Amino acid sequence: MDSRKLDDKPLVLHVAINKDGGLFLDGAAVTHDELAVRFAAAVRSGSTVPELHLRADRDTRYEEVTDVMATAQNAGLVKIAFVTEPPATR
């Protein structure tokens, strides 16, 4: 039986990738190496499994997205969600 409280909220890591491949964690610019360290620290830090919410600019190269996903997986993050914005109305 799981002893966690039902209202325990997981840590959510918000990662954005801009069209030039720039990485941002919770709004702050980071390098790929820093991202790997922060992912690993998040996994070690709590009793709940952290979640990654990933947002990429429309013009971001696919390889940039898969690199972040692989880094997350290597750190032990298994919950990954893609964040999208609805299309603008005309």
PDB file of N, CA and C in Angstrom:
ATOM      1  N   MET A   1       0.839  -1.177   0.000  1.00  0.00           N
ATOM      2  CA  MET A   1       0.000   0.000   0.000  1.00  0.00           C
ATOM      3  C   MET A   1       0.883   1.239   0.000  1.00  0.00           C
ATOM      4  N   ASP A   2       0.524   2.226  -0.768  1.00  0.00           N
ATOM      5  CA  ASP A   2       1.293   3.462  -0.888  1.00  0.00           C
ATOM      6  C   ASP A   2       0.964   4.363   0.297  1.00  0.00           C
ATOM      7  N   SER A   3       1.991   4.796   1.029  1.00  0.00           N
ATOM      8  CA  SER A   3       1.759   5.602   2.223  1.00  0.00           C
ATOM      9  C   SER A   3       1.766   7.101   1.952  1.00  0.00           C
ATOM     10  N   ARG A   4       1.953   7.505   0.705  1.00  0.00           N
ATOM     11  CA  ARG A   4       1.931   8.937   0.377  1.00  0.00           C
ATOM     12  C   ARG A   4       0.524   9.478   0.555  1.00  0.00           C
ATOM     13  N   LYS A   5       0.469  10.746   0.943  1.00  0.00           N
ATOM     14  CA  LYS A   5      -0.835  11.397   1.020  1.00  0.00           C
ATOM     15  C   LYS A   5      -1.352  11.620  -0.395  1.00  0.00           C
ATOM     16  N   LEU A   6      -2.645  11.580  -0.549  1.00  0.00           N
ATOM     17  CA  LEU A   6      -3.236  11.763  -1.866  1.00  0.00           C
ATOM     18  C   LEU A   6      -2.998  13.149  -2.425  1.00  0.00           C
ATOM     19  N   ASP A   7      -2.802  14.128  -1.543  1.00  0.00           N
ATOM     20  CA  ASP A   7      -2.632  15.491  -2.026  1.00  0.00           C
ATOM     21  C   ASP A   7      -1.173  15.871  -2.257  1.00  0.00           C
ATOM     22  N   ASP A   8      -0.239  14.906  -2.146  1.00  0.00           N
ATOM     23  CA  ASP A   8       1.162  15.195  -2.451  1.00  0.00           C
ATOM     24  C   ASP A   8       1.280  15.557  -3.922  1.00  0.00           C
ATOM     25  N   LYS A   9       1.800  16.727  -4.190  1.00  0.00           N
ATOM     26  CA  LYS A   9       1.964  17.189  -5.562  1.00  0.00           C
ATOM     27  C   LYS A   9       3.388  16.875  -6.007  1.00  0.00           C
ATOM     28  N   PRO A  10       3.545  16.337  -7.201  1.00  0.00           N
ATOM     29  CA  PRO A  10       4.902  16.053  -7.683  1.00  0.00           C
ATOM     30  C   PRO A  10       5.627  17.353  -8.030  1.00  0.00           C
ATOM     31  N   LEU A  11       6.925  17.302  -7.975  1.00  0.00           N
ATOM     32  CA  LEU A  11       7.746  18.412  -8.442  1.00  0.00           C
ATOM     33  C   LEU A  11       7.619  18.446  -9.960  1.00  0.00           C
ATOM     34  N   VAL A  12       7.324  19.608 -10.505  1.00  0.00           N
ATOM     35  CA  VAL A  12       7.211  19.750 -11.951  1.00  0.00           C
ATOM     36  C   VAL A  12       8.358  20.614 -12.444  1.00  0.00           C
ATOM     37  N   LEU A  13       9.132  20.074 -13.365  1.00  0.00           N
ATOM     38  CA  LEU A  13      10.236  20.795 -13.985  1.00  0.00           C
ATOM     39  C   LEU A  13       9.754  21.298 -15.342  1.00  0.00           C
ATOM     40  N   HIS A  14       9.750  22.609 -15.505  1.00  0.00           N
ATOM     41  CA  HIS A  14       9.290  23.221 -16.753  1.00  0.00           C
ATOM     42  C   HIS A  14      10.504  23.526 -17.617  1.00  0.00           C
ATOM     43  N   VAL A  15      10.617  22.841 -18.740  1.00  0.00           N
ATOM     44  CA  VAL A  15      11.741  23.046 -19.653  1.00  0.00           C
ATOM     45  C   VAL A  15      11.210  23.585 -20.973  1.00  0.00           C
ATOM     46  N   ALA A  16      11.865  24.622 -21.455  1.00  0.00           N
ATOM     47  CA  ALA A  16      11.524  25.189 -22.761  1.00  0.00           C
ATOM     48  C   ALA A  16      12.766  25.156 -23.637  1.00  0.00           C
ATOM     49  N   ILE A  17      12.538  24.940 -24.920  1.00  0.00           N
ATOM     50  CA  ILE A  17      13.620  24.959 -25.904  1.00  0.00           C
ATOM     51  C   ILE A  17      13.224  25.982 -26.961  1.00  0.00           C
ATOM     52  N   ASN A  18      14.122  26.957 -27.202  1.00  0.00           N
ATOM     53  CA  ASN A  18      13.785  27.943 -28.233  1.00  0.00           C
ATOM     54  C   ASN A  18      14.273  27.457 -29.600  1.00  0.00           C
ATOM     55  N   LYS A  19      13.943  28.195 -30.628  1.00  0.00           N
ATOM     56  CA  LYS A  19      14.252  27.750 -31.996  1.00  0.00           C
ATOM     57  C   LYS A  19      15.735  27.615 -32.269  1.00  0.00           C
ATOM     58  N   ASP A  20      16.571  28.294 -31.452  1.00  0.00           N
ATOM     59  CA  ASP A  20      18.018  28.206 -31.613  1.00  0.00           C
ATOM     60  C   ASP A  20      18.632  27.098 -30.762  1.00  0.00           C
ATOM     61  N   GLY A  21      17.788  26.335 -30.057  1.00  0.00           N
ATOM     62  CA  GLY A  21      18.286  25.254 -29.219  1.00  0.00           C
ATOM     63  C   GLY A  21      18.605  25.686 -27.804  1.00  0.00           C
ATOM     64  N   GLY A  22      18.314  26.939 -27.456  1.00  0.00           N
ATOM     65  CA  GLY A  22      18.547  27.406 -26.092  1.00  0.00           C
ATOM     66  C   GLY A  22      17.615  26.696 -25.119  1.00  0.00           C
ATOM     67  N   LEU A  23      18.157  26.331 -23.966  1.00  0.00           N
ATOM     68  CA  LEU A  23      17.396  25.598 -22.957  1.00  0.00           C
ATOM     69  C   LEU A  23      17.069  26.495 -21.776  1.00  0.00           C
ATOM     70  N   PHE A  24      15.874  26.327 -21.238  1.00  0.00           N
ATOM     71  CA  PHE A  24      15.427  27.115 -20.097  1.00  0.00           C
ATOM     72  C   PHE A  24      14.738  26.180 -19.114  1.00  0.00           C
ATOM     73  N   LEU A  25      15.170  26.216 -17.870  1.00  0.00           N
ATOM     74  CA  LEU A  25      14.559  25.424 -16.810  1.00  0.00           C
ATOM     75  C   LEU A  25      13.866  26.375 -15.861  1.00  0.00           C
ATOM     76  N   ASP A  26      12.573  26.242 -15.744  1.00  0.00           N
ATOM     77  CA  ASP A  26      11.763  27.123 -14.903  1.00  0.00           C
ATOM     78  C   ASP A  26      12.050  28.594 -15.208  1.00  0.00           C
ATOM     79  N   GLY A  27      12.230  28.889 -16.494  1.00  0.00           N
ATOM     80  CA  GLY A  27      12.414  30.262 -16.957  1.00  0.00           C
ATOM     81  C   GLY A  27      13.844  30.761 -16.988  1.00  0.00           C
ATOM     82  N   ALA A  28      14.784  30.024 -16.418  1.00  0.00           N
ATOM     83  CA  ALA A  28      16.187  30.454 -16.381  1.00  0.00           C
ATOM     84  C   ALA A  28      17.003  29.677 -17.412  1.00  0.00           C
ATOM     85  N   ALA A  29      17.859  30.385 -18.135  1.00  0.00           N
ATOM     86  CA  ALA A  29      18.713  29.747 -19.137  1.00  0.00           C
ATOM     87  C   ALA A  29      19.679  28.771 -18.465  1.00  0.00           C
ATOM     88  N   VAL A  30      19.819  27.580 -19.066  1.00  0.00           N
ATOM     89  CA  VAL A  30      20.740  26.563 -18.557  1.00  0.00           C
ATOM     90  C   VAL A  30      21.439  25.903 -19.735  1.00  0.00           C
ATOM     91  N   THR A  31      22.587  25.301 -19.450  1.00  0.00           N
ATOM     92  CA  THR A  31      23.277  24.504 -20.455  1.00  0.00           C
ATOM     93  C   THR A  31      22.719  23.077 -20.386  1.00  0.00           C
ATOM     94  N   HIS A  32      23.050  22.288 -21.382  1.00  0.00           N
ATOM     95  CA  HIS A  32      22.611  20.892 -21.388  1.00  0.00           C
ATOM     96  C   HIS A  32      23.187  20.147 -20.187  1.00  0.00           C
ATOM     97  N   ASP A  33      24.451  20.405 -19.854  1.00  0.00           N
ATOM     98  CA  ASP A  33      25.068  19.753 -18.695  1.00  0.00           C
ATOM     99  C   ASP A  33      24.374  20.154 -17.392  1.00  0.00           C
ATOM    100  N   GLU A  34      24.033  21.435 -17.250  1.00  0.00           N
ATOM    101  CA  GLU A  34      23.323  21.890 -16.048  1.00  0.00           C
ATOM    102  C   GLU A  34      21.951  21.238 -15.949  1.00  0.00           C
ATOM    103  N   LEU A  35      21.304  21.076 -17.077  1.00  0.00           N
ATOM    104  CA  LEU A  35      19.994  20.440 -17.106  1.00  0.00           C
ATOM    105  C   LEU A  35      20.092  19.002 -16.599  1.00  0.00           C
ATOM    106  N   ALA A  36      21.103  18.283 -17.035  1.00  0.00           N
ATOM    107  CA  ALA A  36      21.303  16.898 -16.601  1.00  0.00           C
ATOM    108  C   ALA A  36      21.501  16.824 -15.085  1.00  0.00           C
ATOM    109  N   VAL A  37      22.300  17.743 -14.554  1.00  0.00           N
ATOM    110  CA  VAL A  37      22.556  17.771 -13.108  1.00  0.00           C
ATOM    111  C   VAL A  37      21.270  18.088 -12.346  1.00  0.00           C
ATOM    112  N   ARG A  38      20.502  19.046 -12.820  1.00  0.00           N
ATOM    113  CA  ARG A  38      19.257  19.442 -12.148  1.00  0.00           C
ATOM    114  C   ARG A  38      18.216  18.328 -12.214  1.00  0.00           C
ATOM    115  N   PHE A  39      18.149  17.623 -13.337  1.00  0.00           N
ATOM    116  CA  PHE A  39      17.226  16.491 -13.445  1.00  0.00           C
ATOM    117  C   PHE A  39      17.581  15.420 -12.415  1.00  0.00           C
ATOM    118  N   ALA A  40      18.856  15.062 -12.346  1.00  0.00           N
ATOM    119  CA  ALA A  40      19.295  14.025 -11.416  1.00  0.00           C
ATOM    120  C   ALA A  40      19.034  14.440  -9.968  1.00  0.00           C
ATOM    121  N   ALA A  41      19.281  15.702  -9.645  1.00  0.00           N
ATOM    122  CA  ALA A  41      19.039  16.198  -8.287  1.00  0.00           C
ATOM    123  C   ALA A  41      17.551  16.138  -7.950  1.00  0.00           C
ATOM    124  N   ALA A  42      16.701  16.457  -8.904  1.00  0.00           N
ATOM    125  CA  ALA A  42      15.257  16.428  -8.663  1.00  0.00           C
ATOM    126  C   ALA A  42      14.779  15.005  -8.385  1.00  0.00           C
ATOM    127  N   VAL A  43      15.332  14.052  -9.109  1.00  0.00           N
ATOM    128  CA  VAL A  43      14.940  12.652  -8.910  1.00  0.00           C
ATOM    129  C   VAL A  43      15.368  12.184  -7.521  1.00  0.00           C
ATOM    130  N   ARG A  44      16.560  12.577  -7.081  1.00  0.00           N
ATOM    131  CA  ARG A  44      17.072  12.157  -5.773  1.00  0.00           C
ATOM    132  C   ARG A  44      16.393  12.872  -4.615  1.00  0.00           C
ATOM    133  N   SER A  45      15.818  14.039  -4.842  1.00  0.00           N
ATOM    134  CA  SER A  45      15.400  14.913  -3.751  1.00  0.00           C
ATOM    135  C   SER A  45      14.092  14.572  -3.062  1.00  0.00           C
ATOM    136  N   GLY A  46      13.194  13.897  -3.723  1.00  0.00           N
ATOM    137  CA  GLY A  46      11.885  13.762  -3.099  1.00  0.00           C
ATOM    138  C   GLY A  46      11.324  12.372  -3.103  1.00  0.00           C
ATOM    139  N   SER A  47      10.184  12.265  -2.435  1.00  0.00           N
ATOM    140  CA  SER A  47       9.520  10.970  -2.362  1.00  0.00           C
ATOM    141  C   SER A  47       8.586  10.748  -3.547  1.00  0.00           C
ATOM    142  N   THR A  48       8.227  11.837  -4.240  1.00  0.00           N
ATOM    143  CA  THR A  48       7.386  11.694  -5.430  1.00  0.00           C
ATOM    144  C   THR A  48       8.269  11.779  -6.665  1.00  0.00           C
ATOM    145  N   VAL A  49       7.839  11.130  -7.721  1.00  0.00           N
ATOM    146  CA  VAL A  49       8.586  11.153  -8.970  1.00  0.00           C
ATOM    147  C   VAL A  49       8.334  12.494  -9.662  1.00  0.00           C
ATOM    148  N   PRO A  50       9.395  13.249  -9.952  1.00  0.00           N
ATOM    149  CA  PRO A  50       9.200  14.540 -10.621  1.00  0.00           C
ATOM    150  C   PRO A  50       8.637  14.346 -12.027  1.00  0.00           C
ATOM    151  N   GLU A  51       7.975  15.380 -12.497  1.00  0.00           N
ATOM    152  CA  GLU A  51       7.442  15.381 -13.856  1.00  0.00           C
ATOM    153  C   GLU A  51       8.168  16.432 -14.675  1.00  0.00           C
ATOM    154  N   LEU A  52       8.368  16.140 -15.948  1.00  0.00           N
ATOM    155  CA  LEU A  52       8.958  17.092 -16.885  1.00  0.00           C
ATOM    156  C   LEU A  52       7.860  17.596 -17.805  1.00  0.00           C
ATOM    157  N   HIS A  53       7.683  18.904 -17.839  1.00  0.00           N
ATOM    158  CA  HIS A  53       6.764  19.528 -18.787  1.00  0.00           C
ATOM    159  C   HIS A  53       7.631  20.236 -19.813  1.00  0.00           C
ATOM    160  N   LEU A  54       7.598  19.737 -21.027  1.00  0.00           N
ATOM    161  CA  LEU A  54       8.503  20.178 -22.086  1.00  0.00           C
ATOM    162  C   LEU A  54       7.755  20.983 -23.138  1.00  0.00           C
ATOM    163  N   ARG A  55       8.280  22.165 -23.393  1.00  0.00           N
ATOM    164  CA  ARG A  55       7.701  23.045 -24.422  1.00  0.00           C
ATOM    165  C   ARG A  55       8.819  23.394 -25.396  1.00  0.00           C
ATOM    166  N   ALA A  56       8.542  23.255 -26.676  1.00  0.00           N
ATOM    167  CA  ALA A  56       9.535  23.576 -27.698  1.00  0.00           C
ATOM    168  C   ALA A  56       8.938  24.550 -28.702  1.00  0.00           C
ATOM    169  N   ASP A  57       9.756  25.498 -29.119  1.00  0.00           N
ATOM    170  CA  ASP A  57       9.354  26.427 -30.166  1.00  0.00           C
ATOM    171  C   ASP A  57       9.024  25.625 -31.423  1.00  0.00           C
ATOM    172  N   ARG A  58       8.099  26.126 -32.202  1.00  0.00           N
ATOM    173  CA  ARG A  58       7.667  25.432 -33.423  1.00  0.00           C
ATOM    174  C   ARG A  58       8.847  25.132 -34.360  1.00  0.00           C
ATOM    175  N   ASP A  59       9.856  25.981 -34.378  1.00  0.00           N
ATOM    176  CA  ASP A  59      10.989  25.812 -35.291  1.00  0.00           C
ATOM    177  C   ASP A  59      12.172  25.077 -34.663  1.00  0.00           C
ATOM    178  N   THR A  60      11.990  24.507 -33.483  1.00  0.00           N
ATOM    179  CA  THR A  60      13.057  23.756 -32.818  1.00  0.00           C
ATOM    180  C   THR A  60      13.335  22.466 -33.576  1.00  0.00           C
ATOM    181  N   ARG A  61      14.617  22.150 -33.735  1.00  0.00           N
ATOM    182  CA  ARG A  61      14.987  20.897 -34.390  1.00  0.00           C
ATOM    183  C   ARG A  61      14.552  19.708 -33.535  1.00  0.00           C
ATOM    184  N   TYR A  62      14.085  18.686 -34.178  1.00  0.00           N
ATOM    185  CA  TYR A  62      13.628  17.473 -33.509  1.00  0.00           C
ATOM    186  C   TYR A  62      14.718  16.894 -32.602  1.00  0.00           C
ATOM    187  N   GLU A  63      15.960  16.941 -33.054  1.00  0.00           N
ATOM    188  CA  GLU A  63      17.079  16.395 -32.287  1.00  0.00           C
ATOM    189  C   GLU A  63      17.254  17.104 -30.949  1.00  0.00           C
ATOM    190  N   GLU A  64      16.948  18.390 -30.896  1.00  0.00           N
ATOM    191  CA  GLU A  64      17.046  19.129 -29.637  1.00  0.00           C
ATOM    192  C   GLU A  64      16.040  18.588 -28.623  1.00  0.00           C
ATOM    193  N   VAL A  65      14.846  18.292 -29.092  1.00  0.00           N
ATOM    194  CA  VAL A  65      13.798  17.760 -28.221  1.00  0.00           C
ATOM    195  C   VAL A  65      14.177  16.368 -27.735  1.00  0.00           C
ATOM    196  N   THR A  66      14.644  15.518 -28.646  1.00  0.00           N
ATOM    197  CA  THR A  66      14.997  14.152 -28.247  1.00  0.00           C
ATOM    198  C   THR A  66      16.204  14.132 -27.317  1.00  0.00           C
ATOM    199  N   ASP A  67      17.125  15.080 -27.465  1.00  0.00           N
ATOM    200  CA  ASP A  67      18.266  15.166 -26.537  1.00  0.00           C
ATOM    201  C   ASP A  67      17.791  15.445 -25.117  1.00  0.00           C
ATOM    202  N   VAL A  68      16.845  16.369 -24.967  1.00  0.00           N
ATOM    203  CA  VAL A  68      16.315  16.689 -23.637  1.00  0.00           C
ATOM    204  C   VAL A  68      15.572  15.482 -23.072  1.00  0.00           C
ATOM    205  N   MET A  69      14.796  14.811 -23.909  1.00  0.00           N
ATOM    206  CA  MET A  69      14.063  13.632 -23.447  1.00  0.00           C
ATOM    207  C   MET A  69      15.023  12.523 -23.005  1.00  0.00           C
ATOM    208  N   ALA A  70      16.092  12.311 -23.745  1.00  0.00           N
ATOM    209  CA  ALA A  70      17.078  11.289 -23.376  1.00  0.00           C
ATOM    210  C   ALA A  70      17.782  11.659 -22.076  1.00  0.00           C
ATOM    211  N   THR A  71      18.093  12.933 -21.912  1.00  0.00           N
ATOM    212  CA  THR A  71      18.735  13.392 -20.677  1.00  0.00           C
ATOM    213  C   THR A  71      17.811  13.161 -19.489  1.00  0.00           C
ATOM    214  N   ALA A  72      16.533  13.456 -19.663  1.00  0.00           N
ATOM    215  CA  ALA A  72      15.555  13.232 -18.599  1.00  0.00           C
ATOM    216  C   ALA A  72      15.464  11.748 -18.257  1.00  0.00           C
ATOM    217  N   GLN A  73      15.380  10.920 -19.261  1.00  0.00           N
ATOM    218  CA  GLN A  73      15.278   9.480 -19.041  1.00  0.00           C
ATOM    219  C   GLN A  73      16.529   8.937 -18.340  1.00  0.00           C
ATOM    220  N   ASN A  74      17.694   9.393 -18.749  1.00  0.00           N
ATOM    221  CA  ASN A  74      18.937   8.945 -18.127  1.00  0.00           C
ATOM    222  C   ASN A  74      19.016   9.346 -16.656  1.00  0.00           C
ATOM    223  N   ALA A  75      18.364  10.463 -16.297  1.00  0.00           N
ATOM    224  CA  ALA A  75      18.361  10.924 -14.913  1.00  0.00           C
ATOM    225  C   ALA A  75      17.316  10.199 -14.072  1.00  0.00           C
ATOM    226  N   GLY A  76      16.404   9.480 -14.722  1.00  0.00           N
ATOM    227  CA  GLY A  76      15.374   8.756 -13.995  1.00  0.00           C
ATOM    228  C   GLY A  76      13.994   9.383 -14.065  1.00  0.00           C
ATOM    229  N   LEU A  77      13.842  10.433 -14.865  1.00  0.00           N
ATOM    230  CA  LEU A  77      12.518  11.030 -15.057  1.00  0.00           C
ATOM    231  C   LEU A  77      11.739  10.166 -16.038  1.00  0.00           C
ATOM    232  N   VAL A  78      10.563   9.747 -15.647  1.00  0.00           N
ATOM    233  CA  VAL A  78       9.773   8.893 -16.522  1.00  0.00           C
ATOM    234  C   VAL A  78       8.435   9.527 -16.919  1.00  0.00           C
ATOM    235  N   LYS A  79       8.064  10.598 -16.247  1.00  0.00           N
ATOM    236  CA  LYS A  79       6.816  11.288 -16.576  1.00  0.00           C
ATOM    237  C   LYS A  79       7.152  12.543 -17.370  1.00  0.00           C
ATOM    238  N   ILE A  80       6.871  12.501 -18.663  1.00  0.00           N
ATOM    239  CA  ILE A  80       7.180  13.622 -19.553  1.00  0.00           C
ATOM    240  C   ILE A  80       5.894  14.037 -20.256  1.00  0.00           C
ATOM    241  N   ALA A  81       5.587  15.318 -20.164  1.00  0.00           N
ATOM    242  CA  ALA A  81       4.410  15.862 -20.842  1.00  0.00           C
ATOM    243  C   ALA A  81       4.854  16.952 -21.805  1.00  0.00           C
ATOM    244  N   PHE A  82       4.216  17.000 -22.960  1.00  0.00           N
ATOM    245  CA  PHE A  82       4.490  18.055 -23.917  1.00  0.00           C
ATOM    246  C   PHE A  82       3.476  19.163 -23.720  1.00  0.00           C
ATOM    247  N   VAL A  83       3.963  20.371 -23.582  1.00  0.00           N
ATOM    248  CA  VAL A  83       3.109  21.534 -23.381  1.00  0.00           C
ATOM    249  C   VAL A  83       2.955  22.242 -24.724  1.00  0.00           C
ATOM    250  N   THR A  84       1.728  22.458 -25.101  1.00  0.00           N
ATOM    251  CA  THR A  84       1.456  23.155 -26.364  1.00  0.00           C
ATOM    252  C   THR A  84       0.543  24.335 -26.099  1.00  0.00           C
ATOM    253  N   GLU A  85       0.526  25.232 -27.040  1.00  0.00           N
ATOM    254  CA  GLU A  85      -0.370  26.360 -26.971  1.00  0.00           C
ATOM    255  C   GLU A  85      -1.386  26.227 -28.099  1.00  0.00           C
ATOM    256  N   PRO A  86      -2.629  26.570 -27.814  1.00  0.00           N
ATOM    257  CA  PRO A  86      -3.624  26.479 -28.897  1.00  0.00           C
ATOM    258  C   PRO A  86      -3.303  27.476 -29.999  1.00  0.00           C
ATOM    259  N   PRO A  87      -3.677  27.151 -31.224  1.00  0.00           N
ATOM    260  CA  PRO A  87      -3.406  28.081 -32.322  1.00  0.00           C
ATOM    261  C   PRO A  87      -4.155  29.397 -32.109  1.00  0.00           C
ATOM    262  N   ALA A  88      -3.543  30.455 -32.557  1.00  0.00           N
ATOM    263  CA  ALA A  88      -4.164  31.777 -32.435  1.00  0.00           C
ATOM    264  C   ALA A  88      -5.415  31.837 -33.295  1.00  0.00           C
ATOM    265  N   THR A  89      -6.436  32.486 -32.777  1.00  0.00           N
ATOM    266  CA  THR A  89      -7.656  32.644 -33.578  1.00  0.00           C
ATOM    267  C   THR A  89      -7.482  33.813 -34.518  1.00  0.00           C
ATOM    268  N   ARG A  90      -8.121  33.704 -35.631  1.00  0.00           N
ATOM    269  CA  ARG A  90      -7.962  34.757 -36.651  1.00  0.00           C
ATOM    270  C   ARG A  90      -9.107  35.707 -36.636  1.00  0.00           C
TER     271      ARG A  90
END
